[in-house]
Amino acid sequence: MDKLRASEIHADDGIRIIAIESVHYSSGKFAGLYHLHASIEPAALVVCTAGENRLVNLVISDTSLEELEERVEGLSALLAKA
């Protein structure tokens, strides 16, 4: 299963940086044993300065900041703090 998540990674007097990460995980049971595989990869950065939010796409090209706000739970709340 794949999911995007947002977390603030930097904040000071003039700039905030929000990381958008892609979380991949799978799990299952085989022959009585459980397995779990998980990974987290960078997808994008949102740089917030003086009332302006800029999206820096790393992996998720052709996506706007507005689309990410709809897809990523908690991103709108982080942007509202800017």
N, C-alpha and C. Protein backbone atom coordinates (compact mmCIF):
# COMPACT_ATOMS: atom_id res chain seq x y z
N MET A 1 0.85 -1.17 0.00
CA MET A 1 0.00 0.00 0.00
C MET A 1 0.90 1.24 0.00
N ASP A 2 0.53 2.25 -0.74
CA ASP A 2 1.28 3.50 -0.81
C ASP A 2 0.44 4.63 -0.22
N LYS A 3 1.13 5.52 0.48
CA LYS A 3 0.45 6.65 1.09
C LYS A 3 1.42 7.82 1.14
N LEU A 4 0.91 9.03 0.96
CA LEU A 4 1.73 10.23 1.12
C LEU A 4 1.48 10.82 2.50
N ARG A 5 2.54 11.33 3.13
CA ARG A 5 2.38 11.99 4.41
C ARG A 5 3.20 13.28 4.42
N ALA A 6 2.80 14.21 5.27
CA ALA A 6 3.48 15.50 5.37
C ALA A 6 4.01 15.69 6.78
N SER A 7 5.20 16.26 6.87
CA SER A 7 5.75 16.59 8.18
C SER A 7 6.65 17.81 8.06
N GLU A 8 6.53 18.69 9.02
CA GLU A 8 7.37 19.89 9.04
C GLU A 8 8.77 19.49 9.47
N ILE A 9 9.77 19.85 8.67
CA ILE A 9 11.14 19.46 9.00
C ILE A 9 12.02 20.64 9.38
N HIS A 10 11.53 21.86 9.13
CA HIS A 10 12.31 23.05 9.49
C HIS A 10 11.38 24.24 9.66
N ALA A 11 11.65 25.03 10.69
CA ALA A 11 10.89 26.26 10.89
C ALA A 11 11.76 27.25 11.66
N ASP A 12 11.87 28.46 11.11
CA ASP A 12 12.54 29.54 11.85
C ASP A 12 11.87 30.85 11.47
N ASP A 13 12.54 31.97 11.68
CA ASP A 13 11.90 33.28 11.53
C ASP A 13 11.34 33.57 10.15
N GLY A 14 11.89 33.05 9.10
CA GLY A 14 11.40 33.43 7.80
C GLY A 14 11.06 32.30 6.85
N ILE A 15 11.31 31.07 7.26
CA ILE A 15 11.10 29.97 6.33
C ILE A 15 10.64 28.72 7.07
N ARG A 16 9.73 28.02 6.43
CA ARG A 16 9.29 26.70 6.91
C ARG A 16 9.41 25.73 5.76
N ILE A 17 9.83 24.52 6.07
CA ILE A 17 9.95 23.49 5.05
C ILE A 17 9.13 22.28 5.48
N ILE A 18 8.26 21.84 4.59
CA ILE A 18 7.41 20.69 4.85
C ILE A 18 7.83 19.58 3.88
N ALA A 19 8.14 18.42 4.41
CA ALA A 19 8.52 17.28 3.58
C ALA A 19 7.27 16.46 3.24
N ILE A 20 7.15 16.10 1.98
CA ILE A 20 6.12 15.17 1.54
C ILE A 20 6.84 13.86 1.26
N GLU A 21 6.43 12.82 1.97
CA GLU A 21 7.09 11.54 1.86
C GLU A 21 6.11 10.48 1.38
N SER A 22 6.62 9.56 0.59
CA SER A 22 5.85 8.43 0.12
C SER A 22 6.16 7.24 1.01
N VAL A 23 5.13 6.69 1.63
CA VAL A 23 5.29 5.55 2.53
C VAL A 23 4.73 4.32 1.82
N HIS A 24 5.59 3.32 1.68
CA HIS A 24 5.20 2.06 1.04
C HIS A 24 5.30 0.96 2.09
N TYR A 25 4.29 0.12 2.16
CA TYR A 25 4.40 -1.02 3.06
C TYR A 25 3.53 -2.17 2.58
N SER A 26 3.95 -3.35 2.92
CA SER A 26 3.18 -4.55 2.63
C SER A 26 3.41 -5.54 3.76
N SER A 27 2.44 -6.37 4.00
CA SER A 27 2.57 -7.37 5.04
C SER A 27 1.77 -8.60 4.64
N GLY A 28 2.06 -9.67 5.29
CA GLY A 28 1.33 -10.89 4.99
C GLY A 28 1.74 -12.01 5.90
N LYS A 29 1.14 -13.17 5.66
CA LYS A 29 1.42 -14.35 6.46
C LYS A 29 1.70 -15.50 5.50
N PHE A 30 2.78 -16.21 5.75
CA PHE A 30 3.14 -17.34 4.91
C PHE A 30 3.69 -18.44 5.80
N ALA A 31 3.12 -19.59 5.72
CA ALA A 31 3.56 -20.76 6.49
C ALA A 31 3.64 -20.45 7.99
N GLY A 32 2.65 -19.73 8.48
CA GLY A 32 2.60 -19.44 9.91
C GLY A 32 3.48 -18.29 10.37
N LEU A 33 4.21 -17.67 9.46
CA LEU A 33 5.08 -16.55 9.80
C LEU A 33 4.53 -15.27 9.17
N TYR A 34 4.69 -14.18 9.88
CA TYR A 34 4.27 -12.88 9.37
C TYR A 34 5.49 -12.15 8.81
N HIS A 35 5.25 -11.36 7.78
CA HIS A 35 6.32 -10.52 7.26
C HIS A 35 5.79 -9.10 7.06
N LEU A 36 6.70 -8.16 7.16
CA LEU A 36 6.38 -6.76 6.94
C LEU A 36 7.54 -6.12 6.21
N HIS A 37 7.23 -5.42 5.16
CA HIS A 37 8.25 -4.64 4.45
C HIS A 37 7.73 -3.22 4.37
N ALA A 38 8.57 -2.26 4.79
CA ALA A 38 8.16 -0.85 4.77
C ALA A 38 9.32 0.01 4.32
N SER A 39 8.99 1.10 3.61
CA SER A 39 10.01 2.07 3.22
C SER A 39 9.38 3.45 3.13
N ILE A 40 10.21 4.46 3.35
CA ILE A 40 9.79 5.85 3.25
C ILE A 40 10.76 6.53 2.29
N GLU A 41 10.20 7.20 1.27
CA GLU A 41 11.03 7.89 0.28
C GLU A 41 10.57 9.33 0.12
N PRO A 42 11.49 10.24 -0.15
CA PRO A 42 11.09 11.64 -0.37
C PRO A 42 10.28 11.76 -1.66
N ALA A 43 9.27 12.61 -1.63
CA ALA A 43 8.44 12.82 -2.82
C ALA A 43 8.47 14.29 -3.26
N ALA A 44 8.44 15.21 -2.30
CA ALA A 44 8.42 16.64 -2.63
C ALA A 44 8.73 17.44 -1.37
N LEU A 45 8.98 18.73 -1.58
CA LEU A 45 9.14 19.68 -0.48
C LEU A 45 8.20 20.85 -0.73
N VAL A 46 7.66 21.39 0.35
CA VAL A 46 6.90 22.63 0.26
C VAL A 46 7.69 23.66 1.06
N VAL A 47 8.08 24.73 0.39
CA VAL A 47 8.85 25.80 1.03
C VAL A 47 7.91 26.98 1.24
N CYS A 48 7.75 27.39 2.49
CA CYS A 48 6.84 28.48 2.86
C CYS A 48 7.67 29.69 3.31
N THR A 49 7.52 30.80 2.59
CA THR A 49 8.21 32.04 2.94
C THR A 49 7.27 33.21 2.74
N ALA A 50 7.21 34.11 3.68
CA ALA A 50 6.48 35.38 3.59
C ALA A 50 5.14 35.25 2.86
N GLY A 51 4.31 34.33 3.30
CA GLY A 51 2.98 34.17 2.72
C GLY A 51 2.95 33.48 1.38
N GLU A 52 4.07 32.97 0.91
CA GLU A 52 4.12 32.27 -0.37
C GLU A 52 4.56 30.84 -0.14
N ASN A 53 3.80 29.91 -0.71
CA ASN A 53 4.13 28.49 -0.59
C ASN A 53 4.54 27.97 -1.96
N ARG A 54 5.71 27.36 -2.02
CA ARG A 54 6.21 26.81 -3.29
C ARG A 54 6.42 25.32 -3.15
N LEU A 55 5.97 24.60 -4.17
CA LEU A 55 6.14 23.15 -4.21
C LEU A 55 7.36 22.82 -5.04
N VAL A 56 8.25 22.02 -4.48
CA VAL A 56 9.43 21.53 -5.19
C VAL A 56 9.22 20.03 -5.38
N ASN A 57 8.85 19.64 -6.60
CA ASN A 57 8.60 18.23 -6.88
C ASN A 57 9.92 17.48 -6.99
N LEU A 58 10.02 16.37 -6.32
CA LEU A 58 11.18 15.52 -6.43
C LEU A 58 10.85 14.27 -7.25
N VAL A 59 9.71 13.68 -6.96
CA VAL A 59 9.32 12.44 -7.61
C VAL A 59 7.92 12.54 -8.23
N ILE A 60 7.02 13.25 -7.59
CA ILE A 60 5.62 13.30 -8.01
C ILE A 60 5.40 14.46 -8.98
N SER A 61 5.89 14.32 -10.18
CA SER A 61 5.78 15.40 -11.16
C SER A 61 4.33 15.59 -11.60
N ASP A 62 4.07 16.72 -12.20
CA ASP A 62 2.74 17.08 -12.71
C ASP A 62 1.67 17.09 -11.61
N THR A 63 2.07 17.46 -10.42
CA THR A 63 1.14 17.59 -9.30
C THR A 63 1.24 19.00 -8.76
N SER A 64 0.10 19.62 -8.53
CA SER A 64 0.11 20.97 -7.97
C SER A 64 0.00 20.91 -6.45
N LEU A 65 0.30 22.02 -5.82
CA LEU A 65 0.17 22.10 -4.37
C LEU A 65 -1.28 21.89 -3.94
N GLU A 66 -2.22 22.40 -4.71
CA GLU A 66 -3.64 22.23 -4.40
C GLU A 66 -4.04 20.76 -4.45
N GLU A 67 -3.52 20.02 -5.43
CA GLU A 67 -3.82 18.58 -5.52
C GLU A 67 -3.23 17.84 -4.33
N LEU A 68 -2.03 18.23 -3.92
CA LEU A 68 -1.41 17.59 -2.77
C LEU A 68 -2.20 17.85 -1.49
N GLU A 69 -2.74 19.05 -1.35
CA GLU A 69 -3.54 19.37 -0.16
C GLU A 69 -4.74 18.43 -0.06
N GLU A 70 -5.30 18.04 -1.19
CA GLU A 70 -6.44 17.12 -1.20
C GLU A 70 -6.00 15.68 -0.89
N ARG A 71 -4.81 15.30 -1.34
CA ARG A 71 -4.34 13.91 -1.20
C ARG A 71 -3.64 13.62 0.12
N VAL A 72 -3.01 14.62 0.72
CA VAL A 72 -2.15 14.40 1.88
C VAL A 72 -2.83 14.91 3.14
N GLU A 73 -3.19 14.00 4.00
CA GLU A 73 -3.86 14.36 5.25
C GLU A 73 -2.93 15.20 6.12
N GLY A 74 -3.44 16.31 6.62
CA GLY A 74 -2.68 17.17 7.52
C GLY A 74 -1.87 18.26 6.83
N LEU A 75 -1.73 18.20 5.51
CA LEU A 75 -0.95 19.22 4.80
C LEU A 75 -1.61 20.58 4.89
N SER A 76 -2.91 20.65 4.74
CA SER A 76 -3.61 21.94 4.82
C SER A 76 -3.39 22.60 6.17
N ALA A 77 -3.41 21.82 7.24
CA ALA A 77 -3.19 22.36 8.58
C ALA A 77 -1.78 22.90 8.73
N LEU A 78 -0.79 22.20 8.17
CA LEU A 78 0.59 22.68 8.23
C LEU A 78 0.76 23.96 7.44
N LEU A 79 0.10 24.05 6.30
CA LEU A 79 0.19 25.26 5.47
C LEU A 79 -0.51 26.44 6.13
N ALA A 80 -1.56 26.18 6.87
CA ALA A 80 -2.29 27.25 7.55
C ALA A 80 -1.45 27.88 8.65
N LYS A 81 -0.48 27.16 9.19
CA LYS A 81 0.41 27.70 10.22
C LYS A 81 1.45 28.65 9.65
N ALA A 82 1.62 28.63 8.34
CA ALA A 82 2.69 29.43 7.70
C ALA A 82 2.44 30.91 7.84
